[in-house]
């Protein structure tokens, strides 16, 4: 199971980080982790992430919490909530690159439960 969990986690990390390289555009409010998680599971953010249905809700919750607690801009997270997949605030890209291990850990831990 560990090998499959790692493969799935790896397959999720790269697209998730790429999808989150969002641009900031205008004073939006920062979404909560619950709002972001719900949007990833059932809303417009889910269209950006395009996660497989086999990803447990616990993993999505962990990813959303990590993003909200990170230094990713409010605007980038708001864009994600709206399903916008645009690029390229350098500061956001750097934070997201640094988060790839955390995202992978969220998925791996959830799959091992």
PDB file of N, CA and C in Angstrom:
ATOM      1  N   UNK A   1       0.821  -1.205   0.000  1.00  0.00           N
ATOM      2  CA  UNK A   1       0.000   0.000   0.000  1.00  0.00           C
ATOM      3  C   UNK A   1       0.855   1.255   0.000  1.00  0.00           C
ATOM      4  N   UNK A   2       2.008   1.210   0.671  1.00  0.00           N
ATOM      5  CA  UNK A   2       2.859   2.390   0.732  1.00  0.00           C
ATOM      6  C   UNK A   2       3.298   2.840  -0.657  1.00  0.00           C
ATOM      7  N   UNK A   3       3.646   1.896  -1.494  1.00  0.00           N
ATOM      8  CA  UNK A   3       4.100   2.263  -2.835  1.00  0.00           C
ATOM      9  C   UNK A   3       2.973   2.948  -3.590  1.00  0.00           C
ATOM     10  N   UNK A   4       1.772   2.392  -3.540  1.00  0.00           N
ATOM     11  CA  UNK A   4       0.650   3.017  -4.235  1.00  0.00           C
ATOM     12  C   UNK A   4       0.337   4.385  -3.666  1.00  0.00           C
ATOM     13  N   UNK A   5       0.396   4.533  -2.350  1.00  0.00           N
ATOM     14  CA  UNK A   5       0.125   5.824  -1.716  1.00  0.00           C
ATOM     15  C   UNK A   5       1.160   6.846  -2.159  1.00  0.00           C
ATOM     16  N   UNK A   6       2.400   6.452  -2.212  1.00  0.00           N
ATOM     17  CA  UNK A   6       3.452   7.377  -2.635  1.00  0.00           C
ATOM     18  C   UNK A   6       3.288   7.768  -4.095  1.00  0.00           C
ATOM     19  N   UNK A   7       2.948   6.796  -4.926  1.00  0.00           N
ATOM     20  CA  UNK A   7       2.755   7.104  -6.350  1.00  0.00           C
ATOM     21  C   UNK A   7       1.589   8.067  -6.542  1.00  0.00           C
ATOM     22  N   UNK A   8       0.480   7.805  -5.846  1.00  0.00           N
ATOM     23  CA  UNK A   8      -0.672   8.688  -5.962  1.00  0.00           C
ATOM     24  C   UNK A   8      -0.328  10.066  -5.421  1.00  0.00           C
ATOM     25  N   UNK A   9       0.351  10.112  -4.296  1.00  0.00           N
ATOM     26  CA  UNK A   9       0.740  11.398  -3.715  1.00  0.00           C
ATOM     27  C   UNK A   9       1.630  12.164  -4.678  1.00  0.00           C
ATOM     28  N   UNK A  10       2.591  11.481  -5.276  1.00  0.00           N
ATOM     29  CA  UNK A  10       3.464  12.136  -6.249  1.00  0.00           C
ATOM     30  C   UNK A  10       2.713  12.626  -7.469  1.00  0.00           C
ATOM     31  N   UNK A  11       1.741  11.856  -7.898  1.00  0.00           N
ATOM     32  CA  UNK A  11       0.949  12.250  -9.060  1.00  0.00           C
ATOM     33  C   UNK A  11       0.067  13.450  -8.766  1.00  0.00           C
ATOM     34  N   UNK A  12      -0.233  13.666  -7.497  1.00  0.00           N
ATOM     35  CA  UNK A  12      -1.086  14.783  -7.099  1.00  0.00           C
ATOM     36  C   UNK A  12      -0.272  16.040  -6.856  1.00  0.00           C
ATOM     37  N   UNK A  13       0.903  15.894  -6.287  1.00  0.00           N
ATOM     38  CA  UNK A  13       1.694  17.054  -5.887  1.00  0.00           C
ATOM     39  C   UNK A  13       2.033  17.959  -7.055  1.00  0.00           C
ATOM     40  N   UNK A  14       2.557  17.419  -8.120  1.00  0.00           N
ATOM     41  CA  UNK A  14       2.997  18.257  -9.239  1.00  0.00           C
ATOM     42  C   UNK A  14       1.835  19.033  -9.851  1.00  0.00           C
ATOM     43  N   UNK A  15       0.716  18.374 -10.199  1.00  0.00           N
ATOM     44  CA  UNK A  15      -0.383  19.163 -10.765  1.00  0.00           C
ATOM     45  C   UNK A  15      -0.959  20.159  -9.770  1.00  0.00           C
ATOM     46  N   UNK A  16      -1.008  19.794  -8.498  1.00  0.00           N
ATOM     47  CA  UNK A  16      -1.574  20.704  -7.501  1.00  0.00           C
ATOM     48  C   UNK A  16      -0.723  21.956  -7.372  1.00  0.00           C
ATOM     49  N   UNK A  17       0.576  21.788  -7.312  1.00  0.00           N
ATOM     50  CA  UNK A  17       1.457  22.945  -7.187  1.00  0.00           C
ATOM     51  C   UNK A  17       1.379  23.798  -8.452  1.00  0.00           C
ATOM     52  N   UNK A  18       1.351  23.158  -9.604  1.00  0.00           N
ATOM     53  CA  UNK A  18       1.231  23.920 -10.853  1.00  0.00           C
ATOM     54  C   UNK A  18      -0.097  24.661 -10.916  1.00  0.00           C
ATOM     55  N   UNK A  19      -1.157  24.020 -10.491  1.00  0.00           N
ATOM     56  CA  UNK A  19      -2.479  24.645 -10.543  1.00  0.00           C
ATOM     57  C   UNK A  19      -2.574  25.828  -9.616  1.00  0.00           C
ATOM     58  N   UNK A  20      -1.760  25.817  -8.579  1.00  0.00           N
ATOM     59  CA  UNK A  20      -1.847  26.878  -7.593  1.00  0.00           C
ATOM     60  C   UNK A  20      -0.918  28.047  -7.860  1.00  0.00           C
ATOM     61  N   UNK A  21      -0.215  28.030  -8.951  1.00  0.00           N
ATOM     62  CA  UNK A  21       0.632  29.168  -9.298  1.00  0.00           C
ATOM     63  C   UNK A  21      -0.277  30.267  -9.832  1.00  0.00           C
ATOM     64  N   UNK A  22      -0.945  30.919  -8.919  1.00  0.00           N
ATOM     65  CA  UNK A  22      -2.009  31.863  -9.275  1.00  0.00           C
ATOM     66  C   UNK A  22      -1.523  33.298  -9.220  1.00  0.00           C
ATOM     67  N   UNK A  23      -2.168  34.141 -10.004  1.00  0.00           N
ATOM     68  CA  UNK A  23      -1.806  35.550  -9.962  1.00  0.00           C
ATOM     69  C   UNK A  23      -2.674  36.293  -8.965  1.00  0.00           C
ATOM     70  N   UNK A  24      -2.143  37.342  -8.415  1.00  0.00           N
ATOM     71  CA  UNK A  24      -2.901  38.198  -7.503  1.00  0.00           C
ATOM     72  C   UNK A  24      -3.489  39.345  -8.299  1.00  0.00           C
ATOM     73  N   UNK A  25      -4.772  39.590  -8.057  1.00  0.00           N
ATOM     74  CA  UNK A  25      -5.366  40.706  -8.781  1.00  0.00           C
ATOM     75  C   UNK A  25      -6.498  41.322  -7.975  1.00  0.00           C
ATOM     76  N   UNK A  26      -6.164  42.221  -7.095  1.00  0.00           N
ATOM     77  CA  UNK A  26      -7.165  43.031  -6.424  1.00  0.00           C
ATOM     78  C   UNK A  26      -7.644  42.482  -5.111  1.00  0.00           C
ATOM     79  N   UNK A  27      -7.911  43.280  -4.149  1.00  0.00           N
ATOM     80  CA  UNK A  27      -8.189  43.069  -2.749  1.00  0.00           C
ATOM     81  C   UNK A  27      -9.244  42.066  -2.367  1.00  0.00           C
ATOM     82  N   UNK A  28      -9.013  40.816  -2.561  1.00  0.00           N
ATOM     83  CA  UNK A  28      -9.943  39.785  -2.138  1.00  0.00           C
ATOM     84  C   UNK A  28      -9.649  39.374  -0.699  1.00  0.00           C
ATOM     85  N   UNK A  29     -10.674  38.828  -0.034  1.00  0.00           N
ATOM     86  CA  UNK A  29     -10.492  38.340   1.322  1.00  0.00           C
ATOM     87  C   UNK A  29      -9.983  36.908   1.288  1.00  0.00           C
ATOM     88  N   UNK A  30      -9.196  36.562   2.300  1.00  0.00           N
ATOM     89  CA  UNK A  30      -8.636  35.219   2.392  1.00  0.00           C
ATOM     90  C   UNK A  30      -9.745  34.236   2.773  1.00  0.00           C
ATOM     91  N   UNK A  31      -9.895  33.157   2.001  1.00  0.00           N
ATOM     92  CA  UNK A  31     -10.893  32.150   2.368  1.00  0.00           C
ATOM     93  C   UNK A  31     -10.431  31.367   3.594  1.00  0.00           C
ATOM     94  N   UNK A  32     -11.371  30.747   4.282  1.00  0.00           N
ATOM     95  CA  UNK A  32     -11.024  29.871   5.403  1.00  0.00           C
ATOM     96  C   UNK A  32     -10.602  28.514   4.846  1.00  0.00           C
ATOM     97  N   UNK A  33      -9.968  27.713   5.690  1.00  0.00           N
ATOM     98  CA  UNK A  33      -9.574  26.370   5.276  1.00  0.00           C
ATOM     99  C   UNK A  33     -10.803  25.536   4.915  1.00  0.00           C
ATOM    100  N   UNK A  34     -11.895  25.695   5.682  1.00  0.00           N
ATOM    101  CA  UNK A  34     -13.120  24.948   5.383  1.00  0.00           C
ATOM    102  C   UNK A  34     -13.706  25.354   4.033  1.00  0.00           C
ATOM    103  N   UNK A  35     -13.717  26.642   3.752  1.00  0.00           N
ATOM    104  CA  UNK A  35     -14.239  27.125   2.464  1.00  0.00           C
ATOM    105  C   UNK A  35     -13.395  26.603   1.306  1.00  0.00           C
ATOM    106  N   UNK A  36     -12.079  26.673   1.467  1.00  0.00           N
ATOM    107  CA  UNK A  36     -11.192  26.215   0.401  1.00  0.00           C
ATOM    108  C   UNK A  36     -11.320  24.708   0.200  1.00  0.00           C
ATOM    109  N   UNK A  37     -11.376  23.963   1.291  1.00  0.00           N
ATOM    110  CA  UNK A  37     -11.529  22.520   1.192  1.00  0.00           C
ATOM    111  C   UNK A  37     -12.820  22.152   0.466  1.00  0.00           C
ATOM    112  N   UNK A  38     -13.917  22.795   0.829  1.00  0.00           N
ATOM    113  CA  UNK A  38     -15.198  22.525   0.174  1.00  0.00           C
ATOM    114  C   UNK A  38     -15.136  22.863  -1.313  1.00  0.00           C
ATOM    115  N   UNK A  39     -14.459  23.956  -1.650  1.00  0.00           N
ATOM    116  CA  UNK A  39     -14.341  24.349  -3.052  1.00  0.00           C
ATOM    117  C   UNK A  39     -13.470  23.368  -3.835  1.00  0.00           C
ATOM    118  N   UNK A  40     -12.457  22.811  -3.184  1.00  0.00           N
ATOM    119  CA  UNK A  40     -11.616  21.808  -3.856  1.00  0.00           C
ATOM    120  C   UNK A  40     -12.421  20.528  -4.070  1.00  0.00           C
ATOM    121  N   UNK A  41     -13.208  20.139  -3.059  1.00  0.00           N
ATOM    122  CA  UNK A  41     -13.980  18.895  -3.147  1.00  0.00           C
ATOM    123  C   UNK A  41     -15.156  19.013  -4.113  1.00  0.00           C
ATOM    124  N   UNK A  42     -15.879  20.128  -4.055  1.00  0.00           N
ATOM    125  CA  UNK A  42     -17.155  20.209  -4.770  1.00  0.00           C
ATOM    126  C   UNK A  42     -17.362  21.488  -5.566  1.00  0.00           C
ATOM    127  N   UNK A  43     -16.359  22.327  -5.638  1.00  0.00           N
ATOM    128  CA  UNK A  43     -16.568  23.627  -6.274  1.00  0.00           C
ATOM    129  C   UNK A  43     -15.587  23.907  -7.385  1.00  0.00           C
ATOM    130  N   UNK A  44     -15.426  25.191  -7.633  1.00  0.00           N
ATOM    131  CA  UNK A  44     -14.595  25.641  -8.752  1.00  0.00           C
ATOM    132  C   UNK A  44     -13.118  25.339  -8.557  1.00  0.00           C
ATOM    133  N   UNK A  45     -12.647  25.354  -7.305  1.00  0.00           N
ATOM    134  CA  UNK A  45     -11.233  25.026  -7.066  1.00  0.00           C
ATOM    135  C   UNK A  45     -10.947  23.585  -7.458  1.00  0.00           C
ATOM    136  N   UNK A  46     -11.939  22.732  -7.336  1.00  0.00           N
ATOM    137  CA  UNK A  46     -11.781  21.341  -7.746  1.00  0.00           C
ATOM    138  C   UNK A  46     -11.486  21.207  -9.226  1.00  0.00           C
ATOM    139  N   UNK A  47     -12.025  22.125 -10.032  1.00  0.00           N
ATOM    140  CA  UNK A  47     -11.757  22.112 -11.468  1.00  0.00           C
ATOM    141  C   UNK A  47     -10.294  22.446 -11.746  1.00  0.00           C
ATOM    142  N   UNK A  48      -9.711  23.305 -10.921  1.00  0.00           N
ATOM    143  CA  UNK A  48      -8.308  23.676 -11.083  1.00  0.00           C
ATOM    144  C   UNK A  48      -7.409  22.516 -10.635  1.00  0.00           C
ATOM    145  N   UNK A  49      -7.718  21.945  -9.479  1.00  0.00           N
ATOM    146  CA  UNK A  49      -6.910  20.847  -8.945  1.00  0.00           C
ATOM    147  C   UNK A  49      -7.064  19.576  -9.756  1.00  0.00           C
ATOM    148  N   UNK A  50      -8.300  19.260 -10.159  1.00  0.00           N
ATOM    149  CA  UNK A  50      -8.579  18.043 -10.904  1.00  0.00           C
ATOM    150  C   UNK A  50      -8.022  16.808 -10.198  1.00  0.00           C
ATOM    151  N   UNK A  51      -8.312  16.695  -8.892  1.00  0.00           N
ATOM    152  CA  UNK A  51      -7.833  15.570  -8.104  1.00  0.00           C
ATOM    153  C   UNK A  51      -8.634  14.315  -8.422  1.00  0.00           C
ATOM    154  N   UNK A  52      -7.980  13.155  -8.378  1.00  0.00           N
ATOM    155  CA  UNK A  52      -8.720  11.911  -8.556  1.00  0.00           C
ATOM    156  C   UNK A  52      -9.706  11.708  -7.403  1.00  0.00           C
ATOM    157  N   UNK A  53     -10.792  11.024  -7.669  1.00  0.00           N
ATOM    158  CA  UNK A  53     -11.799  10.795  -6.630  1.00  0.00           C
ATOM    159  C   UNK A  53     -11.269   9.921  -5.503  1.00  0.00           C
ATOM    160  N   UNK A  54     -10.165   9.227  -5.732  1.00  0.00           N
ATOM    161  CA  UNK A  54      -9.588   8.365  -4.701  1.00  0.00           C
ATOM    162  C   UNK A  54      -8.847   9.135  -3.616  1.00  0.00           C
ATOM    163  N   UNK A  55      -8.676  10.443  -3.795  1.00  0.00           N
ATOM    164  CA  UNK A  55      -8.007  11.242  -2.763  1.00  0.00           C
ATOM    165  C   UNK A  55      -8.988  11.440  -1.609  1.00  0.00           C
ATOM    166  N   UNK A  56      -8.607  10.994  -0.414  1.00  0.00           N
ATOM    167  CA  UNK A  56      -9.517  11.095   0.732  1.00  0.00           C
ATOM    168  C   UNK A  56      -9.797  12.556   1.121  1.00  0.00           C
ATOM    169  N   UNK A  57     -10.977  12.772   1.682  1.00  0.00           N
ATOM    170  CA  UNK A  57     -11.356  14.105   2.152  1.00  0.00           C
ATOM    171  C   UNK A  57     -10.343  14.650   3.160  1.00  0.00           C
ATOM    172  N   UNK A  58      -9.778  13.762   3.979  1.00  0.00           N
ATOM    173  CA  UNK A  58      -8.792  14.200   4.975  1.00  0.00           C
ATOM    174  C   UNK A  58      -7.577  14.837   4.310  1.00  0.00           C
ATOM    175  N   UNK A  59      -7.183  14.311   3.163  1.00  0.00           N
ATOM    176  CA  UNK A  59      -6.044  14.869   2.426  1.00  0.00           C
ATOM    177  C   UNK A  59      -6.383  16.249   1.889  1.00  0.00           C
ATOM    178  N   UNK A  60      -7.589  16.396   1.353  1.00  0.00           N
ATOM    179  CA  UNK A  60      -8.019  17.688   0.816  1.00  0.00           C
ATOM    180  C   UNK A  60      -8.099  18.716   1.944  1.00  0.00           C
ATOM    181  N   UNK A  61      -8.641  18.299   3.085  1.00  0.00           N
ATOM    182  CA  UNK A  61      -8.716  19.201   4.246  1.00  0.00           C
ATOM    183  C   UNK A  61      -7.323  19.652   4.680  1.00  0.00           C
ATOM    184  N   UNK A  62      -6.386  18.725   4.699  1.00  0.00           N
ATOM    185  CA  UNK A  62      -5.007  19.026   5.089  1.00  0.00           C
ATOM    186  C   UNK A  62      -4.352  19.993   4.098  1.00  0.00           C
ATOM    187  N   UNK A  63      -4.562  19.750   2.810  1.00  0.00           N
ATOM    188  CA  UNK A  63      -4.000  20.626   1.776  1.00  0.00           C
ATOM    189  C   UNK A  63      -4.579  22.028   1.911  1.00  0.00           C
ATOM    190  N   UNK A  64      -5.896  22.121   2.087  1.00  0.00           N
ATOM    191  CA  UNK A  64      -6.553  23.427   2.214  1.00  0.00           C
ATOM    192  C   UNK A  64      -6.030  24.176   3.436  1.00  0.00           C
ATOM    193  N   UNK A  65      -5.893  23.476   4.555  1.00  0.00           N
ATOM    194  CA  UNK A  65      -5.372  24.116   5.772  1.00  0.00           C
ATOM    195  C   UNK A  65      -3.950  24.608   5.550  1.00  0.00           C
ATOM    196  N   UNK A  66      -3.133  23.785   4.918  1.00  0.00           N
ATOM    197  CA  UNK A  66      -1.756  24.182   4.640  1.00  0.00           C
ATOM    198  C   UNK A  66      -1.679  25.417   3.763  1.00  0.00           C
ATOM    199  N   UNK A  67      -2.547  25.493   2.764  1.00  0.00           N
ATOM    200  CA  UNK A  67      -2.554  26.653   1.869  1.00  0.00           C
ATOM    201  C   UNK A  67      -3.001  27.918   2.598  1.00  0.00           C
ATOM    202  N   UNK A  68      -4.058  27.799   3.384  1.00  0.00           N
ATOM    203  CA  UNK A  68      -4.569  28.971   4.104  1.00  0.00           C
ATOM    204  C   UNK A  68      -3.563  29.440   5.151  1.00  0.00           C
ATOM    205  N   UNK A  69      -2.866  28.506   5.787  1.00  0.00           N
ATOM    206  CA  UNK A  69      -1.876  28.860   6.804  1.00  0.00           C
ATOM    207  C   UNK A  69      -0.551  29.335   6.209  1.00  0.00           C
ATOM    208  N   UNK A  70      -0.393  29.194   4.898  1.00  0.00           N
ATOM    209  CA  UNK A  70       0.861  29.550   4.236  1.00  0.00           C
ATOM    210  C   UNK A  70       0.925  31.043   3.942  1.00  0.00           C
ATOM    211  N   UNK A  71       2.008  31.431   3.295  1.00  0.00           N
ATOM    212  CA  UNK A  71       2.193  32.820   2.877  1.00  0.00           C
ATOM    213  C   UNK A  71       1.653  33.082   1.472  1.00  0.00           C
ATOM    214  N   UNK A  72       0.898  32.135   0.904  1.00  0.00           N
ATOM    215  CA  UNK A  72       0.268  32.376  -0.389  1.00  0.00           C
ATOM    216  C   UNK A  72      -0.688  33.553  -0.221  1.00  0.00           C
ATOM    217  N   UNK A  73      -0.703  34.446  -1.170  1.00  0.00           N
ATOM    218  CA  UNK A  73      -1.489  35.669  -1.049  1.00  0.00           C
ATOM    219  C   UNK A  73      -2.989  35.398  -0.967  1.00  0.00           C
ATOM    220  N   UNK A  74      -3.695  36.321  -0.315  1.00  0.00           N
ATOM    221  CA  UNK A  74      -5.154  36.259  -0.235  1.00  0.00           C
ATOM    222  C   UNK A  74      -5.761  36.228  -1.627  1.00  0.00           C
ATOM    223  N   UNK A  75      -5.221  37.027  -2.503  1.00  0.00           N
ATOM    224  CA  UNK A  75      -5.741  37.109  -3.866  1.00  0.00           C
ATOM    225  C   UNK A  75      -5.588  35.780  -4.602  1.00  0.00           C
ATOM    226  N   UNK A  76      -4.444  35.129  -4.419  1.00  0.00           N
ATOM    227  CA  UNK A  76      -4.222  33.850  -5.091  1.00  0.00           C
ATOM    228  C   UNK A  76      -5.218  32.799  -4.600  1.00  0.00           C
ATOM    229  N   UNK A  77      -5.449  32.769  -3.299  1.00  0.00           N
ATOM    230  CA  UNK A  77      -6.410  31.808  -2.760  1.00  0.00           C
ATOM    231  C   UNK A  77      -7.838  32.138  -3.207  1.00  0.00           C
ATOM    232  N   UNK A  78      -8.157  33.403  -3.263  1.00  0.00           N
ATOM    233  CA  UNK A  78      -9.483  33.811  -3.741  1.00  0.00           C
ATOM    234  C   UNK A  78      -9.668  33.445  -5.210  1.00  0.00           C
ATOM    235  N   UNK A  79      -8.610  33.632  -6.004  1.00  0.00           N
ATOM    236  CA  UNK A  79      -8.678  33.225  -7.412  1.00  0.00           C
ATOM    237  C   UNK A  79      -8.922  31.728  -7.519  1.00  0.00           C
ATOM    238  N   UNK A  80      -8.251  30.965  -6.690  1.00  0.00           N
ATOM    239  CA  UNK A  80      -8.439  29.520  -6.692  1.00  0.00           C
ATOM    240  C   UNK A  80      -9.885  29.173  -6.363  1.00  0.00           C
ATOM    241  N   UNK A  81     -10.455  29.841  -5.374  1.00  0.00           N
ATOM    242  CA  UNK A  81     -11.852  29.607  -4.985  1.00  0.00           C
ATOM    243  C   UNK A  81     -12.797  29.867  -6.163  1.00  0.00           C
ATOM    244  N   UNK A  82     -12.421  30.780  -7.029  1.00  0.00           N
ATOM    245  CA  UNK A  82     -13.240  31.130  -8.193  1.00  0.00           C
ATOM    246  C   UNK A  82     -12.924  30.258  -9.406  1.00  0.00           C
ATOM    247  N   UNK A  83     -11.996  29.317  -9.238  1.00  0.00           N
ATOM    248  CA  UNK A  83     -11.655  28.419 -10.334  1.00  0.00           C
ATOM    249  C   UNK A  83     -10.719  29.011 -11.352  1.00  0.00           C
ATOM    250  N   UNK A  84     -10.019  30.070 -10.970  1.00  0.00           N
ATOM    251  CA  UNK A  84      -9.086  30.706 -11.900  1.00  0.00           C
ATOM    252  C   UNK A  84      -7.716  30.063 -11.774  1.00  0.00           C
ATOM    253  N   UNK A  85      -7.182  29.641 -12.875  1.00  0.00           N
ATOM    254  CA  UNK A  85      -5.864  29.014 -12.925  1.00  0.00           C
ATOM    255  C   UNK A  85      -4.968  29.892 -13.788  1.00  0.00           C
ATOM    256  N   UNK A  86      -4.555  30.993 -13.202  1.00  0.00           N
ATOM    257  CA  UNK A  86      -3.680  31.913 -13.923  1.00  0.00           C
ATOM    258  C   UNK A  86      -2.354  31.982 -13.195  1.00  0.00           C
ATOM    259  N   UNK A  87      -1.338  32.515 -13.851  1.00  0.00           N
ATOM    260  CA  UNK A  87      -0.016  32.512 -13.253  1.00  0.00           C
ATOM    261  C   UNK A  87       0.460  33.940 -13.081  1.00  0.00           C
ATOM    262  N   UNK A  88       1.226  34.340 -12.295  1.00  0.00           N
ATOM    263  CA  UNK A  88       2.590  34.115 -11.970  1.00  0.00           C
ATOM    264  C   UNK A  88       3.135  35.130 -10.983  1.00  0.00           C
ATOM    265  N   UNK A  89       2.558  35.218  -9.830  1.00  0.00           N
ATOM    266  CA  UNK A  89       3.181  35.988  -8.761  1.00  0.00           C
ATOM    267  C   UNK A  89       4.367  35.173  -8.253  1.00  0.00           C
ATOM    268  N   UNK A  90       5.545  35.695  -8.365  1.00  0.00           N
ATOM    269  CA  UNK A  90       6.765  34.977  -7.992  1.00  0.00           C
ATOM    270  C   UNK A  90       6.735  34.539  -6.528  1.00  0.00           C
ATOM    271  N   UNK A  91       6.261  35.402  -5.634  1.00  0.00           N
ATOM    272  CA  UNK A  91       6.227  35.060  -4.208  1.00  0.00           C
ATOM    273  C   UNK A  91       5.310  33.861  -3.961  1.00  0.00           C
ATOM    274  N   UNK A  92       4.146  33.839  -4.620  1.00  0.00           N
ATOM    275  CA  UNK A  92       3.226  32.711  -4.459  1.00  0.00           C
ATOM    276  C   UNK A  92       3.828  31.432  -5.027  1.00  0.00           C
ATOM    277  N   UNK A  93       4.457  31.525  -6.178  1.00  0.00           N
ATOM    278  CA  UNK A  93       5.082  30.348  -6.779  1.00  0.00           C
ATOM    279  C   UNK A  93       6.149  29.772  -5.862  1.00  0.00           C
ATOM    280  N   UNK A  94       6.931  30.624  -5.227  1.00  0.00           N
ATOM    281  CA  UNK A  94       7.984  30.158  -4.325  1.00  0.00           C
ATOM    282  C   UNK A  94       7.384  29.426  -3.133  1.00  0.00           C
ATOM    283  N   UNK A  95       6.352  30.000  -2.528  1.00  0.00           N
ATOM    284  CA  UNK A  95       5.703  29.353  -1.383  1.00  0.00           C
ATOM    285  C   UNK A  95       5.144  27.999  -1.797  1.00  0.00           C
ATOM    286  N   UNK A  96       4.487  27.945  -2.936  1.00  0.00           N
ATOM    287  CA  UNK A  96       3.884  26.700  -3.392  1.00  0.00           C
ATOM    288  C   UNK A  96       4.923  25.641  -3.703  1.00  0.00           C
ATOM    289  N   UNK A  97       6.036  26.034  -4.279  1.00  0.00           N
ATOM    290  CA  UNK A  97       7.124  25.087  -4.515  1.00  0.00           C
ATOM    291  C   UNK A  97       7.618  24.507  -3.200  1.00  0.00           C
ATOM    292  N   UNK A  98       7.727  25.353  -2.197  1.00  0.00           N
ATOM    293  CA  UNK A  98       8.185  24.906  -0.886  1.00  0.00           C
ATOM    294  C   UNK A  98       7.166  24.007  -0.196  1.00  0.00           C
ATOM    295  N   UNK A  99       5.904  24.106  -0.579  1.00  0.00           N
ATOM    296  CA  UNK A  99       4.846  23.321   0.045  1.00  0.00           C
ATOM    297  C   UNK A  99       4.664  21.940  -0.567  1.00  0.00           C
ATOM    298  N   UNK A 100       5.350  21.623  -1.631  1.00  0.00           N
ATOM    299  CA  UNK A 100       5.099  20.357  -2.329  1.00  0.00           C
ATOM    300  C   UNK A 100       5.283  19.148  -1.409  1.00  0.00           C
ATOM    301  N   UNK A 101       6.282  19.176  -0.537  1.00  0.00           N
ATOM    302  CA  UNK A 101       6.478  18.064   0.403  1.00  0.00           C
ATOM    303  C   UNK A 101       5.319  17.969   1.386  1.00  0.00           C
ATOM    304  N   UNK A 102       4.822  19.123   1.844  1.00  0.00           N
ATOM    305  CA  UNK A 102       3.686  19.133   2.773  1.00  0.00           C
ATOM    306  C   UNK A 102       2.434  18.575   2.110  1.00  0.00           C
ATOM    307  N   UNK A 103       2.212  18.934   0.857  1.00  0.00           N
ATOM    308  CA  UNK A 103       1.053  18.431   0.129  1.00  0.00           C
ATOM    309  C   UNK A 103       1.158  16.922  -0.040  1.00  0.00           C
ATOM    310  N   UNK A 104       2.339  16.459  -0.390  1.00  0.00           N
ATOM    311  CA  UNK A 104       2.543  15.019  -0.550  1.00  0.00           C
ATOM    312  C   UNK A 104       2.308  14.297   0.772  1.00  0.00           C
ATOM    313  N   UNK A 105       2.762  14.879   1.875  1.00  0.00           N
ATOM    314  CA  UNK A 105       2.572  14.273   3.197  1.00  0.00           C
ATOM    315  C   UNK A 105       1.085  14.196   3.538  1.00  0.00           C
ATOM    316  N   UNK A 106       0.323  15.233   3.220  1.00  0.00           N
ATOM    317  CA  UNK A 106      -1.126  15.211   3.458  1.00  0.00           C
ATOM    318  C   UNK A 106      -1.765  14.006   2.784  1.00  0.00           C
ATOM    319  N   UNK A 107      -1.417  13.792   1.534  1.00  0.00           N
ATOM    320  CA  UNK A 107      -2.012  12.705   0.770  1.00  0.00           C
ATOM    321  C   UNK A 107      -1.544  11.356   1.284  1.00  0.00           C
ATOM    322  N   UNK A 108      -0.247  11.225   1.494  1.00  0.00           N
ATOM    323  CA  UNK A 108       0.306   9.953   1.958  1.00  0.00           C
ATOM    324  C   UNK A 108      -0.283   9.577   3.320  1.00  0.00           C
ATOM    325  N   UNK A 109      -0.311  10.526   4.249  1.00  0.00           N
ATOM    326  CA  UNK A 109      -0.856  10.243   5.583  1.00  0.00           C
ATOM    327  C   UNK A 109      -2.329   9.837   5.521  1.00  0.00           C
ATOM    328  N   UNK A 110      -3.101  10.527   4.705  1.00  0.00           N
ATOM    329  CA  UNK A 110      -4.532  10.216   4.598  1.00  0.00           C
ATOM    330  C   UNK A 110      -4.759   8.833   3.981  1.00  0.00           C
ATOM    331  N   UNK A 111      -3.923   8.456   3.018  1.00  0.00           N
ATOM    332  CA  UNK A 111      -4.077   7.157   2.366  1.00  0.00           C
ATOM    333  C   UNK A 111      -3.657   6.005   3.259  1.00  0.00           C
ATOM    334  N   UNK A 112      -2.806   6.272   4.232  1.00  0.00           N
ATOM    335  CA  UNK A 112      -2.320   5.217   5.114  1.00  0.00           C
ATOM    336  C   UNK A 112      -3.244   4.985   6.309  1.00  0.00           C
ATOM    337  N   UNK A 113      -4.258   5.807   6.452  1.00  0.00           N
ATOM    338  CA  UNK A 113      -5.181   5.639   7.586  1.00  0.00           C
ATOM    339  C   UNK A 113      -6.135   4.507   7.344  1.00  0.00           C
TER     340      UNK A 113
END
